[in-house]
Amino acid sequence: MDDYKFSVGIEPEDAYKKARKDMIQALQSTQRLTPVQRQKLAEELFGAAAVSSIIQLLNNYHG
Protein backbone atom coordinates (compact mmCIF):
# COMPACT_ATOMS: atom_id res chain seq x y z
CA MET A 1 0.00 0.00 0.00
CA ASP A 2 3.02 2.31 -0.09
CA ASP A 3 2.22 3.15 -3.72
CA TYR A 4 -1.12 4.74 -2.83
CA LYS A 5 -2.19 7.90 -1.07
CA PHE A 6 -5.40 8.62 0.82
CA SER A 7 -7.58 11.37 -0.63
CA VAL A 8 -10.99 12.81 0.06
CA GLY A 9 -13.00 14.31 -2.75
CA ILE A 10 -16.42 15.25 -4.00
CA GLU A 11 -17.93 13.19 -6.83
CA PRO A 12 -20.76 14.40 -9.07
CA GLU A 13 -23.90 12.26 -8.98
CA ASP A 14 -24.61 12.78 -12.69
CA ALA A 15 -22.94 9.97 -14.69
CA TYR A 16 -21.92 12.30 -17.54
CA LYS A 17 -20.30 14.83 -15.21
CA LYS A 18 -18.49 12.05 -13.32
CA ALA A 19 -17.18 10.53 -16.56
CA ARG A 20 -16.02 13.97 -17.75
CA LYS A 21 -14.23 14.59 -14.45
CA ASP A 22 -12.61 11.13 -14.60
CA MET A 23 -11.40 11.69 -18.19
CA ILE A 24 -9.85 15.05 -17.30
CA GLN A 25 -8.13 13.42 -14.32
CA ALA A 26 -6.82 10.61 -16.56
CA LEU A 27 -5.42 13.12 -19.07
CA GLN A 28 -3.70 15.04 -16.29
CA SER A 29 -2.24 11.81 -14.92
CA THR A 30 -0.80 10.76 -18.28
CA GLN A 31 0.83 14.17 -18.72
CA ARG A 32 2.98 13.44 -15.65
CA LEU A 33 4.40 10.25 -17.22
CA THR A 34 7.67 10.00 -19.10
CA PRO A 35 7.43 9.20 -22.84
CA VAL A 36 8.50 5.60 -22.11
CA GLN A 37 5.80 5.25 -19.43
CA ARG A 38 3.18 6.72 -21.79
CA GLN A 39 4.10 4.21 -24.48
CA LYS A 40 3.97 1.31 -22.02
CA LEU A 41 0.56 2.42 -20.75
CA ALA A 42 -0.77 2.78 -24.30
CA GLU A 43 0.53 -0.70 -25.17
CA GLU A 44 -1.17 -2.16 -22.08
CA LEU A 45 -4.46 -0.43 -22.89
CA PHE A 46 -4.60 -0.78 -26.67
CA GLY A 47 -2.14 -3.53 -27.53
CA ALA A 48 1.47 -3.31 -28.61
CA ALA A 49 0.73 -3.88 -32.31
CA ALA A 50 -1.80 -1.02 -32.46
CA VAL A 51 0.56 1.39 -30.67
CA SER A 52 3.44 0.38 -32.93
CA SER A 53 1.28 1.06 -36.00
CA ILE A 54 0.23 4.46 -34.70
CA ILE A 55 3.82 5.43 -33.91
CA GLN A 56 4.90 4.35 -37.39
CA LEU A 57 2.09 6.37 -38.98
CA LEU A 58 3.00 9.45 -36.94
CA ASN A 59 6.68 9.08 -37.80
CA ASN A 60 5.83 8.79 -41.51
CA TYR A 61 3.57 11.83 -41.30
CA HIS A 62 6.09 13.98 -39.43
CA GLY A 63 9.17 12.32 -40.85
PDB file of N, CA and C in Angstrom:
ATOM      1  N   MET A   1       0.815  -1.205   0.000  1.00  0.00           N
ATOM      2  CA  MET A   1       0.000   0.000   0.000  1.00  0.00           C
ATOM      3  C   MET A   1       0.855   1.264   0.000  1.00  0.00           C
ATOM      4  N   ASP A   2       2.160   1.133  -0.071  1.00  0.00           N
ATOM      5  CA  ASP A   2       3.023   2.308  -0.085  1.00  0.00           C
ATOM      6  C   ASP A   2       2.887   3.105  -1.381  1.00  0.00           C
ATOM      7  N   ASP A   3       2.360   2.487  -2.428  1.00  0.00           N
ATOM      8  CA  ASP A   3       2.224   3.150  -3.719  1.00  0.00           C
ATOM      9  C   ASP A   3       0.943   3.966  -3.841  1.00  0.00           C
ATOM     10  N   TYR A   4       0.160   4.043  -2.786  1.00  0.00           N
ATOM     11  CA  TYR A   4      -1.125   4.741  -2.832  1.00  0.00           C
ATOM     12  C   TYR A   4      -1.163   5.842  -1.787  1.00  0.00           C
ATOM     13  N   LYS A   5      -1.986   6.848  -2.064  1.00  0.00           N
ATOM     14  CA  LYS A   5      -2.191   7.895  -1.071  1.00  0.00           C
ATOM     15  C   LYS A   5      -3.681   8.021  -0.793  1.00  0.00           C
ATOM     16  N   PHE A   6      -4.022   8.415   0.410  1.00  0.00           N
ATOM     17  CA  PHE A   6      -5.401   8.620   0.817  1.00  0.00           C
ATOM     18  C   PHE A   6      -5.853   9.991   0.350  1.00  0.00           C
ATOM     19  N   SER A   7      -7.042  10.080  -0.220  1.00  0.00           N
ATOM     20  CA  SER A   7      -7.577  11.372  -0.635  1.00  0.00           C
ATOM     21  C   SER A   7      -9.078  11.406  -0.401  1.00  0.00           C
ATOM     22  N   VAL A   8      -9.558  12.584  -0.150  1.00  0.00           N
ATOM     23  CA  VAL A   8     -10.987  12.809   0.062  1.00  0.00           C
ATOM     24  C   VAL A   8     -11.439  13.766  -1.026  1.00  0.00           C
ATOM     25  N   GLY A   9     -12.534  13.447  -1.680  1.00  0.00           N
ATOM     26  CA  GLY A   9     -12.998  14.314  -2.752  1.00  0.00           C
ATOM     27  C   GLY A   9     -14.508  14.308  -2.860  1.00  0.00           C
ATOM     28  N   ILE A  10     -14.988  15.143  -3.733  1.00  0.00           N
ATOM     29  CA  ILE A  10     -16.421  15.246  -4.003  1.00  0.00           C
ATOM     30  C   ILE A  10     -16.657  14.709  -5.405  1.00  0.00           C
ATOM     31  N   GLU A  11     -17.601  13.796  -5.543  1.00  0.00           N
ATOM     32  CA  GLU A  11     -17.929  13.186  -6.830  1.00  0.00           C
ATOM     33  C   GLU A  11     -19.301  13.666  -7.288  1.00  0.00           C
ATOM     34  N   PRO A  12     -19.425  14.034  -8.560  1.00  0.00           N
ATOM     35  CA  PRO A  12     -20.756  14.399  -9.065  1.00  0.00           C
ATOM     36  C   PRO A  12     -21.670  13.166  -9.106  1.00  0.00           C
ATOM     37  N   GLU A  13     -22.947  13.366  -8.903  1.00  0.00           N
ATOM     38  CA  GLU A  13     -23.900  12.260  -8.984  1.00  0.00           C
ATOM     39  C   GLU A  13     -24.278  11.952 -10.424  1.00  0.00           C
ATOM     40  N   ASP A  14     -24.271  12.960 -11.280  1.00  0.00           N
ATOM     41  CA  ASP A  14     -24.609  12.781 -12.687  1.00  0.00           C
ATOM     42  C   ASP A  14     -23.521  11.949 -13.377  1.00  0.00           C
ATOM     43  N   ALA A  15     -23.894  10.879 -14.052  1.00  0.00           N
ATOM     44  CA  ALA A  15     -22.940   9.971 -14.685  1.00  0.00           C
ATOM     45  C   ALA A  15     -22.084  10.681 -15.726  1.00  0.00           C
ATOM     46  N   TYR A  16     -22.671  11.569 -16.521  1.00  0.00           N
ATOM     47  CA  TYR A  16     -21.919  12.301 -17.541  1.00  0.00           C
ATOM     48  C   TYR A  16     -20.853  13.182 -16.896  1.00  0.00           C
ATOM     49  N   LYS A  17     -21.242  13.934 -15.872  1.00  0.00           N
ATOM     50  CA  LYS A  17     -20.296  14.826 -15.208  1.00  0.00           C
ATOM     51  C   LYS A  17     -19.180  14.044 -14.520  1.00  0.00           C
ATOM     52  N   LYS A  18     -19.513  12.888 -13.950  1.00  0.00           N
ATOM     53  CA  LYS A  18     -18.493  12.052 -13.317  1.00  0.00           C
ATOM     54  C   LYS A  18     -17.518  11.514 -14.366  1.00  0.00           C
ATOM     55  N   ALA A  19     -18.036  11.044 -15.494  1.00  0.00           N
ATOM     56  CA  ALA A  19     -17.177  10.529 -16.561  1.00  0.00           C
ATOM     57  C   ALA A  19     -16.269  11.627 -17.103  1.00  0.00           C
ATOM     58  N   ARG A  20     -16.823  12.828 -17.266  1.00  0.00           N
ATOM     59  CA  ARG A  20     -16.023  13.966 -17.748  1.00  0.00           C
ATOM     60  C   ARG A  20     -14.907  14.280 -16.766  1.00  0.00           C
ATOM     61  N   LYS A  21     -15.224  14.327 -15.489  1.00  0.00           N
ATOM     62  CA  LYS A  21     -14.228  14.590 -14.449  1.00  0.00           C
ATOM     63  C   LYS A  21     -13.150  13.506 -14.456  1.00  0.00           C
ATOM     64  N   ASP A  22     -13.562  12.251 -14.585  1.00  0.00           N
ATOM     65  CA  ASP A  22     -12.614  11.135 -14.604  1.00  0.00           C
ATOM     66  C   ASP A  22     -11.685  11.208 -15.818  1.00  0.00           C
ATOM     67  N   MET A  23     -12.223  11.582 -16.981  1.00  0.00           N
ATOM     68  CA  MET A  23     -11.401  11.694 -18.187  1.00  0.00           C
ATOM     69  C   MET A  23     -10.375  12.823 -18.062  1.00  0.00           C
ATOM     70  N   ILE A  24     -10.787  13.940 -17.507  1.00  0.00           N
ATOM     71  CA  ILE A  24      -9.852  15.050 -17.296  1.00  0.00           C
ATOM     72  C   ILE A  24      -8.747  14.617 -16.337  1.00  0.00           C
ATOM     73  N   GLN A  25      -9.113  13.910 -15.275  1.00  0.00           N
ATOM     74  CA  GLN A  25      -8.127  13.416 -14.317  1.00  0.00           C
ATOM     75  C   GLN A  25      -7.162  12.443 -14.991  1.00  0.00           C
ATOM     76  N   ALA A  26      -7.674  11.575 -15.846  1.00  0.00           N
ATOM     77  CA  ALA A  26      -6.819  10.608 -16.556  1.00  0.00           C
ATOM     78  C   ALA A  26      -5.835  11.334 -17.477  1.00  0.00           C
ATOM     79  N   LEU A  27      -6.301  12.349 -18.194  1.00  0.00           N
ATOM     80  CA  LEU A  27      -5.419  13.119 -19.074  1.00  0.00           C
ATOM     81  C   LEU A  27      -4.322  13.812 -18.276  1.00  0.00           C
ATOM     82  N   GLN A  28      -4.695  14.383 -17.138  1.00  0.00           N
ATOM     83  CA  GLN A  28      -3.700  15.043 -16.292  1.00  0.00           C
ATOM     84  C   GLN A  28      -2.685  14.037 -15.759  1.00  0.00           C
ATOM     85  N   SER A  29      -3.139  12.845 -15.422  1.00  0.00           N
ATOM     86  CA  SER A  29      -2.237  11.807 -14.918  1.00  0.00           C
ATOM     87  C   SER A  29      -1.247  11.370 -15.984  1.00  0.00           C
ATOM     88  N   THR A  30      -1.706  11.205 -17.219  1.00  0.00           N
ATOM     89  CA  THR A  30      -0.797  10.758 -18.276  1.00  0.00           C
ATOM     90  C   THR A  30       0.217  11.837 -18.638  1.00  0.00           C
ATOM     91  N   GLN A  31      -0.113  13.099 -18.426  1.00  0.00           N
ATOM     92  CA  GLN A  31       0.835  14.172 -18.718  1.00  0.00           C
ATOM     93  C   GLN A  31       2.033  14.151 -17.778  1.00  0.00           C
ATOM     94  N   ARG A  32       1.881  13.526 -16.613  1.00  0.00           N
ATOM     95  CA  ARG A  32       2.980  13.442 -15.654  1.00  0.00           C
ATOM     96  C   ARG A  32       3.915  12.260 -15.925  1.00  0.00           C
ATOM     97  N   LEU A  33       3.569  11.411 -16.899  1.00  0.00           N
ATOM     98  CA  LEU A  33       4.397  10.249 -17.222  1.00  0.00           C
ATOM     99  C   LEU A  33       5.529  10.631 -18.166  1.00  0.00           C
ATOM    100  N   THR A  34       6.588   9.838 -18.125  1.00  0.00           N
ATOM    101  CA  THR A  34       7.666  10.000 -19.097  1.00  0.00           C
ATOM    102  C   THR A  34       7.179   9.434 -20.428  1.00  0.00           C
ATOM    103  N   PRO A  35       7.835   9.775 -21.549  1.00  0.00           N
ATOM    104  CA  PRO A  35       7.432   9.200 -22.835  1.00  0.00           C
ATOM    105  C   PRO A  35       7.446   7.662 -22.833  1.00  0.00           C
ATOM    106  N   VAL A  36       8.424   7.069 -22.172  1.00  0.00           N
ATOM    107  CA  VAL A  36       8.499   5.601 -22.106  1.00  0.00           C
ATOM    108  C   VAL A  36       7.311   5.045 -21.322  1.00  0.00           C
ATOM    109  N   GLN A  37       6.947   5.695 -20.216  1.00  0.00           N
ATOM    110  CA  GLN A  37       5.800   5.254 -19.427  1.00  0.00           C
ATOM    111  C   GLN A  37       4.494   5.423 -20.205  1.00  0.00           C
ATOM    112  N   ARG A  38       4.383   6.513 -20.963  1.00  0.00           N
ATOM    113  CA  ARG A  38       3.177   6.719 -21.790  1.00  0.00           C
ATOM    114  C   ARG A  38       3.036   5.623 -22.824  1.00  0.00           C
ATOM    115  N   GLN A  39       4.153   5.268 -23.470  1.00  0.00           N
ATOM    116  CA  GLN A  39       4.102   4.210 -24.478  1.00  0.00           C
ATOM    117  C   GLN A  39       3.719   2.880 -23.849  1.00  0.00           C
ATOM    118  N   LYS A  40       4.294   2.567 -22.691  1.00  0.00           N
ATOM    119  CA  LYS A  40       3.969   1.306 -22.018  1.00  0.00           C
ATOM    120  C   LYS A  40       2.494   1.260 -21.643  1.00  0.00           C
ATOM    121  N   LEU A  41       1.976   2.361 -21.119  1.00  0.00           N
ATOM    122  CA  LEU A  41       0.562   2.419 -20.755  1.00  0.00           C
ATOM    123  C   LEU A  41      -0.329   2.233 -21.985  1.00  0.00           C
ATOM    124  N   ALA A  42       0.012   2.911 -23.073  1.00  0.00           N
ATOM    125  CA  ALA A  42      -0.768   2.775 -24.305  1.00  0.00           C
ATOM    126  C   ALA A  42      -0.733   1.338 -24.804  1.00  0.00           C
ATOM    127  N   GLU A  43       0.428   0.700 -24.730  1.00  0.00           N
ATOM    128  CA  GLU A  43       0.533  -0.701 -25.168  1.00  0.00           C
ATOM    129  C   GLU A  43      -0.318  -1.609 -24.293  1.00  0.00           C
ATOM    130  N   GLU A  44      -0.344  -1.353 -22.983  1.00  0.00           N
ATOM    131  CA  GLU A  44      -1.167  -2.161 -22.084  1.00  0.00           C
ATOM    132  C   GLU A  44      -2.655  -1.963 -22.361  1.00  0.00           C
ATOM    133  N   LEU A  45      -3.050  -0.719 -22.679  1.00  0.00           N
ATOM    134  CA  LEU A  45      -4.460  -0.427 -22.890  1.00  0.00           C
ATOM    135  C   LEU A  45      -4.960  -0.835 -24.276  1.00  0.00           C
ATOM    136  N   PHE A  46      -4.139  -0.599 -25.299  1.00  0.00           N
ATOM    137  CA  PHE A  46      -4.599  -0.779 -26.675  1.00  0.00           C
ATOM    138  C   PHE A  46      -3.913  -1.910 -27.430  1.00  0.00           C
ATOM    139  N   GLY A  47      -2.877  -2.473 -26.856  1.00  0.00           N
ATOM    140  CA  GLY A  47      -2.141  -3.533 -27.533  1.00  0.00           C
ATOM    141  C   GLY A  47      -0.894  -2.992 -28.207  1.00  0.00           C
ATOM    142  N   ALA A  48       0.180  -3.742 -28.090  1.00  0.00           N
ATOM    143  CA  ALA A  48       1.474  -3.306 -28.612  1.00  0.00           C
ATOM    144  C   ALA A  48       1.447  -3.109 -30.121  1.00  0.00           C
ATOM    145  N   ALA A  49       0.756  -3.978 -30.843  1.00  0.00           N
ATOM    146  CA  ALA A  49       0.726  -3.876 -32.310  1.00  0.00           C
ATOM    147  C   ALA A  49       0.037  -2.587 -32.750  1.00  0.00           C
ATOM    148  N   ALA A  50      -1.067  -2.239 -32.093  1.00  0.00           N
ATOM    149  CA  ALA A  50      -1.795  -1.024 -32.457  1.00  0.00           C
ATOM    150  C   ALA A  50      -0.950   0.215 -32.167  1.00  0.00           C
ATOM    151  N   VAL A  51      -0.281   0.235 -31.031  1.00  0.00           N
ATOM    152  CA  VAL A  51       0.562   1.386 -30.674  1.00  0.00           C
ATOM    153  C   VAL A  51       1.730   1.501 -31.638  1.00  0.00           C
ATOM    154  N   SER A  52       2.322   0.379 -31.979  1.00  0.00           N
ATOM    155  CA  SER A  52       3.436   0.380 -32.934  1.00  0.00           C
ATOM    156  C   SER A  52       2.992   0.939 -34.280  1.00  0.00           C
ATOM    157  N   SER A  53       1.811   0.549 -34.731  1.00  0.00           N
ATOM    158  CA  SER A  53       1.284   1.056 -36.002  1.00  0.00           C
ATOM    159  C   SER A  53       1.037   2.560 -35.948  1.00  0.00           C
ATOM    160  N   ILE A  54       0.493   3.022 -34.851  1.00  0.00           N
ATOM    161  CA  ILE A  54       0.226   4.457 -34.703  1.00  0.00           C
ATOM    162  C   ILE A  54       1.532   5.246 -34.687  1.00  0.00           C
ATOM    163  N   ILE A  55       2.527   4.744 -33.956  1.00  0.00           N
ATOM    164  CA  ILE A  55       3.825   5.429 -33.908  1.00  0.00           C
ATOM    165  C   ILE A  55       4.448   5.476 -35.302  1.00  0.00           C
ATOM    166  N   GLN A  56       4.353   4.383 -36.040  1.00  0.00           N
ATOM    167  CA  GLN A  56       4.901   4.348 -37.393  1.00  0.00           C
ATOM    168  C   GLN A  56       4.174   5.352 -38.291  1.00  0.00           C
ATOM    169  N   LEU A  57       2.856   5.409 -38.181  1.00  0.00           N
ATOM    170  CA  LEU A  57       2.089   6.371 -38.981  1.00  0.00           C
ATOM    171  C   LEU A  57       2.483   7.805 -38.639  1.00  0.00           C
ATOM    172  N   LEU A  58       2.609   8.096 -37.349  1.00  0.00           N
ATOM    173  CA  LEU A  58       2.998   9.451 -36.938  1.00  0.00           C
ATOM    174  C   LEU A  58       4.398   9.785 -37.409  1.00  0.00           C
ATOM    175  N   ASN A  59       5.317   8.823 -37.323  1.00  0.00           N
ATOM    176  CA  ASN A  59       6.678   9.077 -37.802  1.00  0.00           C
ATOM    177  C   ASN A  59       6.708   9.318 -39.316  1.00  0.00           C
ATOM    178  N   ASN A  60       5.891   8.585 -40.058  1.00  0.00           N
ATOM    179  CA  ASN A  60       5.826   8.786 -41.514  1.00  0.00           C
ATOM    180  C   ASN A  60       5.220  10.149 -41.839  1.00  0.00           C
ATOM    181  N   TYR A  61       4.232  10.559 -41.062  1.00  0.00           N
ATOM    182  CA  TYR A  61       3.565  11.832 -41.299  1.00  0.00           C
ATOM    183  C   TYR A  61       4.490  13.012 -40.977  1.00  0.00           C
ATOM    184  N   HIS A  62       5.217  12.901 -39.875  1.00  0.00           N
ATOM    185  CA  HIS A  62       6.085  13.984 -39.430  1.00  0.00           C
ATOM    186  C   HIS A  62       7.497  13.842 -39.948  1.00  0.00           C
ATOM    187  N   GLY A  63       7.819  12.678 -40.522  1.00  0.00           N
ATOM    188  CA  GLY A  63       9.165  12.317 -40.855  1.00  0.00           C
ATOM    189  C   GLY A  63       9.813  12.913 -42.003  1.00  0.00           C
TER     190      GLY A  63
END
